[in-house]
Amino acid sequence: MVTFSGFSVYYSMDNISFWKRVRYLIKTHKTSQQKIADLIGIPIGTFKSWIYHNRIPDVQTACDLARVLGTSVDFLVYGKERDLMEEHNSRLLERKVAAARIKSLARVILHKSRQI
Protein backbone atom coordinates (compact mmCIF):
# COMPACT_ATOMS: atom_id res chain seq x y z
CA MET A 1 0.00 0.00 0.00
CA VAL A 2 1.21 3.49 -0.83
CA THR A 3 -0.19 6.58 0.89
CA PHE A 4 -0.04 10.10 -0.50
CA SER A 5 -2.16 13.21 -0.06
CA GLY A 6 -4.29 11.34 2.47
CA PHE A 7 -5.27 8.58 0.02
CA SER A 8 -4.24 4.95 0.25
CA VAL A 9 -3.65 3.13 -3.00
CA TYR A 10 -3.52 -0.64 -3.10
CA TYR A 11 -1.48 -2.03 -5.97
CA SER A 12 -2.43 -5.42 -7.25
CA MET A 13 -2.07 -7.38 -10.44
CA ASP A 14 -5.81 -6.85 -11.04
CA ASN A 15 -5.41 -3.08 -11.22
CA ILE A 16 -2.41 -3.32 -13.50
CA SER A 17 -4.15 -5.89 -15.72
CA PHE A 18 -7.26 -3.70 -15.88
CA TRP A 19 -5.27 -0.83 -17.36
CA LYS A 20 -3.27 -3.12 -19.66
CA ARG A 21 -6.56 -4.29 -21.14
CA VAL A 22 -7.83 -0.71 -21.44
CA ARG A 23 -4.63 0.35 -23.23
CA TYR A 24 -4.85 -2.71 -25.50
CA LEU A 25 -8.45 -1.84 -26.47
CA ILE A 26 -7.56 1.80 -27.06
CA LYS A 27 -4.80 0.67 -29.41
CA THR A 28 -7.04 -1.94 -31.09
CA HIS A 29 -9.72 0.68 -31.76
CA LYS A 30 -7.02 3.05 -33.09
CA THR A 31 -8.17 5.80 -30.78
CA SER A 32 -6.53 7.81 -28.03
CA GLN A 33 -6.73 8.25 -24.28
CA GLN A 34 -7.94 11.81 -24.96
CA LYS A 35 -10.84 10.57 -27.10
CA ILE A 36 -11.84 7.93 -24.52
CA ALA A 37 -11.65 10.47 -21.67
CA ASP A 38 -13.85 12.84 -23.70
CA LEU A 39 -16.38 10.08 -24.43
CA ILE A 40 -16.72 9.09 -20.77
CA GLY A 41 -16.78 12.72 -19.64
CA ILE A 42 -13.66 12.98 -17.50
CA PRO A 43 -10.62 15.25 -17.80
CA ILE A 44 -7.67 13.66 -19.61
CA GLY A 45 -5.45 14.43 -16.59
CA THR A 46 -7.72 12.34 -14.36
CA PHE A 47 -7.76 9.48 -16.87
CA LYS A 48 -3.97 9.47 -17.25
CA SER A 49 -3.55 9.67 -13.47
CA TRP A 50 -5.75 6.60 -12.99
CA ILE A 51 -3.64 4.69 -15.50
CA TYR A 52 -0.33 5.87 -14.05
CA HIS A 53 -1.33 5.11 -10.46
CA ASN A 54 -3.23 1.91 -11.38
CA ARG A 55 -6.48 3.15 -9.84
CA ILE A 56 -9.68 1.41 -10.77
CA PRO A 57 -12.44 3.96 -11.45
CA ASP A 58 -15.81 3.88 -9.73
CA VAL A 59 -18.40 1.41 -11.01
CA GLN A 60 -20.32 3.89 -13.19
CA THR A 61 -17.14 5.14 -14.85
CA ALA A 62 -15.90 1.56 -15.38
CA CYS A 63 -19.25 0.78 -17.06
CA ASP A 64 -18.93 3.88 -19.26
CA LEU A 65 -15.35 2.94 -20.10
CA ALA A 66 -16.35 -0.61 -21.05
CA ARG A 67 -19.23 0.72 -23.17
CA VAL A 68 -17.09 3.12 -25.21
CA LEU A 69 -14.42 0.44 -25.66
CA GLY A 70 -17.04 -2.04 -26.89
CA THR A 71 -16.50 -4.58 -24.12
CA SER A 72 -17.75 -5.46 -20.66
CA VAL A 73 -16.56 -4.57 -17.18
CA ASP A 74 -15.99 -8.31 -16.69
CA PHE A 75 -13.44 -8.28 -19.51
CA LEU A 76 -11.68 -5.19 -18.12
CA VAL A 77 -11.49 -6.66 -14.62
CA TYR A 78 -11.06 -10.40 -15.25
CA GLY A 79 -9.74 -10.57 -18.81
CA LYS A 80 -12.65 -12.66 -20.01
CA GLU A 81 -16.38 -12.37 -20.47
CA ARG A 82 -18.49 -14.10 -17.87
CA ASP A 83 -20.61 -16.89 -19.25
CA LEU A 84 -23.74 -16.65 -17.13
CA MET A 85 -25.30 -19.74 -18.71
CA GLU A 86 -22.17 -21.78 -17.98
CA GLU A 87 -22.18 -20.56 -14.36
CA HIS A 88 -25.88 -21.42 -14.03
CA ASN A 89 -25.39 -24.91 -15.50
CA SER A 90 -22.39 -25.53 -13.25
CA ARG A 91 -24.38 -24.60 -10.13
CA LEU A 92 -27.30 -26.72 -11.30
CA LEU A 93 -25.01 -29.73 -11.79
CA GLU A 94 -23.50 -29.20 -8.32
CA ARG A 95 -27.00 -29.19 -6.80
CA LYS A 96 -27.98 -32.37 -8.66
CA VAL A 97 -24.80 -34.14 -7.51
CA ALA A 98 -25.41 -33.03 -3.92
CA ALA A 99 -29.04 -34.18 -4.09
CA ALA A 100 -27.97 -37.59 -5.45
CA ARG A 101 -25.43 -37.98 -2.63
CA ILE A 102 -28.03 -37.10 -0.01
CA LYS A 103 -30.50 -39.55 -1.54
CA SER A 104 -27.85 -42.29 -1.58
CA LEU A 105 -26.89 -41.58 2.02
CA ALA A 106 -30.56 -41.66 3.04
CA ARG A 107 -30.93 -45.12 1.44
CA VAL A 108 -27.88 -46.41 3.33
CA ILE A 109 -29.20 -45.05 6.62
CA LEU A 110 -32.65 -46.52 5.97
CA HIS A 111 -31.13 -49.90 5.08
CA LYS A 112 -28.94 -49.87 8.24
CA SER A 113 -31.91 -48.91 10.43
CA ARG A 114 -33.94 -51.86 9.10
CA GLN A 115 -31.09 -54.23 10.05
CA ILE A 116 -31.25 -53.16 13.66
Foldseek 3Di string as FASTA:
>chain_A
DDDDPRDDDDDDVQLLQLLVVLVVLCVVVVHDLCVLCVQLPHHSVVSVVCNVSSNDDDPVSLQSSQVVSVHGSCCSRPVDDDDVVVVVVVVVVVVVVVVVVVVVVVVVVVVVVVVD
